[in-house]
Amino acid sequence: MGAMGKLIRDGVPAAVQANGGHIVTRALSPAQFTEALQAQLVEEAHEAAVARTEEQLLEELGDLYELISTLARMRGFSLTDVERAADSKRSNYGGFSLRLESVEYVAGDGRPSGR
């Protein structure tokens, strides 16, 4: 039997059954669902980080997009709200187009800061 407690897409049970498999599911409460979405975001981000091909990366980015849009809707945000938050951060701090990496950082108060 496979691992228990994994968030799955809506069409998975029918696909498992169509292939002769057996699956038991349960519906999560809104709080449990939010928690599961957040946990799945971490897992998919890791999978995107270790993707070895463009095809794998695109698939993982698609999974992240689905999770982000679902989580946003669950919390009452639209994708426009998410885009505005990204735009605001970009306006205040820039994007990533310069490909910069911090190699040393001391906060304005003179204390070394962690990453």
C-alpha atoms as a PDB file:
ATOM      1  CA  MET A   1       0.000   0.000   0.000  1.00  0.00           C
ATOM      2  CA  GLY A   2       1.273   3.529  -0.813  1.00  0.00           C
ATOM      3  CA  ALA A   3       2.050   6.373   1.554  1.00  0.00           C
ATOM      4  CA  MET A   4      -0.903   7.758   3.466  1.00  0.00           C
ATOM      5  CA  GLY A   5      -1.927  11.357   3.884  1.00  0.00           C
ATOM      6  CA  LYS A   6      -0.768  12.761   0.533  1.00  0.00           C
ATOM      7  CA  LEU A   7      -2.703  15.559  -1.105  1.00  0.00           C
ATOM      8  CA  ILE A   8      -3.897  14.363  -4.509  1.00  0.00           C
ATOM      9  CA  ARG A   9      -5.491  15.937  -7.534  1.00  0.00           C
ATOM     10  CA  ASP A  10      -9.240  15.447  -8.031  1.00  0.00           C
ATOM     11  CA  GLY A  11      -8.859  13.057 -10.967  1.00  0.00           C
ATOM     12  CA  VAL A  12      -6.448  10.631  -9.273  1.00  0.00           C
ATOM     13  CA  PRO A  13      -9.048   8.295  -7.680  1.00  0.00           C
ATOM     14  CA  ALA A  14     -10.769   7.660 -11.025  1.00  0.00           C
ATOM     15  CA  ALA A  15      -7.404   7.084 -12.740  1.00  0.00           C
ATOM     16  CA  VAL A  16      -6.307   4.605 -10.050  1.00  0.00           C
ATOM     17  CA  GLN A  17      -9.585   2.719 -10.313  1.00  0.00           C
ATOM     18  CA  ALA A  18      -9.487   2.743 -14.130  1.00  0.00           C
ATOM     19  CA  ASN A  19      -6.094   1.040 -13.916  1.00  0.00           C
ATOM     20  CA  GLY A  20      -7.461  -1.655 -11.592  1.00  0.00           C
ATOM     21  CA  GLY A  21      -6.058  -0.121  -8.412  1.00  0.00           C
ATOM     22  CA  HIS A  22      -7.680   0.670  -5.092  1.00  0.00           C
ATOM     23  CA  ILE A  23      -7.535   4.012  -3.293  1.00  0.00           C
ATOM     24  CA  VAL A  24      -9.182   5.319  -0.144  1.00  0.00           C
ATOM     25  CA  THR A  25      -9.626   9.066   0.185  1.00  0.00           C
ATOM     26  CA  ARG A  26     -11.035  11.501   2.702  1.00  0.00           C
ATOM     27  CA  ALA A  27     -12.093  15.111   2.390  1.00  0.00           C
ATOM     28  CA  LEU A  28     -10.034  17.573   4.404  1.00  0.00           C
ATOM     29  CA  SER A  29     -11.455  20.426   6.443  1.00  0.00           C
ATOM     30  CA  PRO A  30     -10.579  23.895   5.128  1.00  0.00           C
ATOM     31  CA  ALA A  31      -7.836  24.232   7.780  1.00  0.00           C
ATOM     32  CA  GLN A  32      -6.411  20.785   6.984  1.00  0.00           C
ATOM     33  CA  PHE A  33      -6.587  21.553   3.271  1.00  0.00           C
ATOM     34  CA  THR A  34      -4.701  24.833   3.695  1.00  0.00           C
ATOM     35  CA  GLU A  35      -2.027  23.037   5.720  1.00  0.00           C
ATOM     36  CA  ALA A  36      -1.777  20.263   3.102  1.00  0.00           C
ATOM     37  CA  LEU A  37      -1.479  22.812   0.282  1.00  0.00           C
ATOM     38  CA  GLN A  38       1.329  24.614   2.096  1.00  0.00           C
ATOM     39  CA  ALA A  39       3.166  21.337   2.702  1.00  0.00           C
ATOM     40  CA  GLN A  40       2.710  20.337  -0.940  1.00  0.00           C
ATOM     41  CA  LEU A  41       4.135  23.712  -2.031  1.00  0.00           C
ATOM     42  CA  VAL A  42       7.385  22.849  -0.246  1.00  0.00           C
ATOM     43  CA  GLU A  43       7.512  19.391  -1.843  1.00  0.00           C
ATOM     44  CA  GLU A  44       6.852  20.699  -5.358  1.00  0.00           C
ATOM     45  CA  ALA A  45       9.350  23.549  -4.915  1.00  0.00           C
ATOM     46  CA  HIS A  46      11.978  20.970  -3.983  1.00  0.00           C
ATOM     47  CA  GLU A  47      11.077  18.889  -7.041  1.00  0.00           C
ATOM     48  CA  ALA A  48      11.407  22.006  -9.236  1.00  0.00           C
ATOM     49  CA  ALA A  49      14.776  22.756  -7.640  1.00  0.00           C
ATOM     50  CA  VAL A  50      16.159  19.326  -8.546  1.00  0.00           C
ATOM     51  CA  ALA A  51      14.500  18.978 -11.981  1.00  0.00           C
ATOM     52  CA  ARG A  52      17.022  17.692 -14.503  1.00  0.00           C
ATOM     53  CA  THR A  53      15.261  18.490 -17.766  1.00  0.00           C
ATOM     54  CA  GLU A  54      13.290  21.418 -19.126  1.00  0.00           C
ATOM     55  CA  GLU A  55      10.253  19.121 -19.359  1.00  0.00           C
ATOM     56  CA  GLN A  56      10.523  18.142 -15.685  1.00  0.00           C
ATOM     57  CA  LEU A  57      11.009  21.771 -14.642  1.00  0.00           C
ATOM     58  CA  LEU A  58       7.974  22.906 -16.626  1.00  0.00           C
ATOM     59  CA  GLU A  59       5.843  20.140 -15.094  1.00  0.00           C
ATOM     60  CA  GLU A  60       6.916  21.100 -11.563  1.00  0.00           C
ATOM     61  CA  LEU A  61       6.319  24.793 -12.254  1.00  0.00           C
ATOM     62  CA  GLY A  62       2.824  23.842 -13.441  1.00  0.00           C
ATOM     63  CA  ASP A  63       2.252  21.963 -10.179  1.00  0.00           C
ATOM     64  CA  LEU A  64       3.462  24.993  -8.208  1.00  0.00           C
ATOM     65  CA  TYR A  65       1.156  27.271 -10.190  1.00  0.00           C
ATOM     66  CA  GLU A  66      -1.827  25.007  -9.469  1.00  0.00           C
ATOM     67  CA  LEU A  67      -0.987  24.927  -5.760  1.00  0.00           C
ATOM     68  CA  ILE A  68      -0.428  28.684  -5.567  1.00  0.00           C
ATOM     69  CA  SER A  69      -3.700  29.473  -7.350  1.00  0.00           C
ATOM     70  CA  THR A  70      -5.653  26.986  -5.190  1.00  0.00           C
ATOM     71  CA  LEU A  71      -4.103  28.262  -1.954  1.00  0.00           C
ATOM     72  CA  ALA A  72      -4.743  31.857  -2.970  1.00  0.00           C
ATOM     73  CA  ARG A  73      -8.432  31.113  -3.682  1.00  0.00           C
ATOM     74  CA  MET A  74      -8.771  29.198  -0.399  1.00  0.00           C
ATOM     75  CA  ARG A  75      -7.539  32.261   1.497  1.00  0.00           C
ATOM     76  CA  GLY A  76      -9.718  34.683  -0.463  1.00  0.00           C
ATOM     77  CA  PHE A  77      -7.021  36.045  -2.793  1.00  0.00           C
ATOM     78  CA  SER A  78      -7.276  36.273  -6.553  1.00  0.00           C
ATOM     79  CA  LEU A  79      -4.321  35.628  -8.842  1.00  0.00           C
ATOM     80  CA  THR A  80      -4.432  39.371  -9.509  1.00  0.00           C
ATOM     81  CA  ASP A  81      -3.855  39.914  -5.775  1.00  0.00           C
ATOM     82  CA  VAL A  82      -0.856  37.565  -5.949  1.00  0.00           C
ATOM     83  CA  GLU A  83       0.493  39.385  -9.012  1.00  0.00           C
ATOM     84  CA  ARG A  84       0.068  42.743  -7.233  1.00  0.00           C
ATOM     85  CA  ALA A  85       2.010  41.409  -4.235  1.00  0.00           C
ATOM     86  CA  ALA A  86       4.797  40.291  -6.596  1.00  0.00           C
ATOM     87  CA  ASP A  87       4.718  43.651  -8.387  1.00  0.00           C
ATOM     88  CA  SER A  88       4.938  45.500  -5.071  1.00  0.00           C
ATOM     89  CA  LYS A  89       7.948  43.469  -3.941  1.00  0.00           C
ATOM     90  CA  ARG A  90       9.574  44.002  -7.357  1.00  0.00           C
ATOM     91  CA  SER A  91       8.914  47.773  -7.149  1.00  0.00           C
ATOM     92  CA  ASN A  92      10.458  47.946  -3.679  1.00  0.00           C
ATOM     93  CA  TYR A  93      13.348  45.492  -4.038  1.00  0.00           C
ATOM     94  CA  GLY A  94      13.626  44.587  -7.714  1.00  0.00           C
ATOM     95  CA  GLY A  95      13.338  41.220  -9.357  1.00  0.00           C
ATOM     96  CA  PHE A  96      15.996  38.618 -10.061  1.00  0.00           C
ATOM     97  CA  SER A  97      17.109  39.604 -13.575  1.00  0.00           C
ATOM     98  CA  LEU A  98      20.600  40.665 -12.418  1.00  0.00           C
ATOM     99  CA  ARG A  99      21.217  37.141 -11.041  1.00  0.00           C
ATOM    100  CA  LEU A 100      22.703  38.539  -7.813  1.00  0.00           C
ATOM    101  CA  GLU A 101      23.746  36.397  -4.859  1.00  0.00           C
ATOM    102  CA  SER A 102      24.597  37.762  -1.418  1.00  0.00           C
ATOM    103  CA  VAL A 103      28.030  36.619  -0.275  1.00  0.00           C
ATOM    104  CA  GLU A 104      28.247  38.857   2.781  1.00  0.00           C
ATOM    105  CA  TYR A 105      25.671  41.021   4.470  1.00  0.00           C
ATOM    106  CA  VAL A 106      25.777  43.355   7.481  1.00  0.00           C
ATOM    107  CA  ALA A 107      22.508  44.970   8.541  1.00  0.00           C
ATOM    108  CA  GLY A 108      22.274  48.745   8.739  1.00  0.00           C
ATOM    109  CA  ASP A 109      22.663  48.513  12.526  1.00  0.00           C
ATOM    110  CA  GLY A 110      26.110  46.938  12.043  1.00  0.00           C
ATOM    111  CA  ARG A 111      25.132  43.433  13.108  1.00  0.00           C
ATOM    112  CA  PRO A 112      25.895  40.520  10.804  1.00  0.00           C
ATOM    113  CA  SER A 113      22.678  39.029   9.541  1.00  0.00           C
ATOM    114  CA  GLY A 114      21.830  35.437   8.711  1.00  0.00           C
ATOM    115  CA  ARG A 115      20.405  34.486   5.345  1.00  0.00           C
END
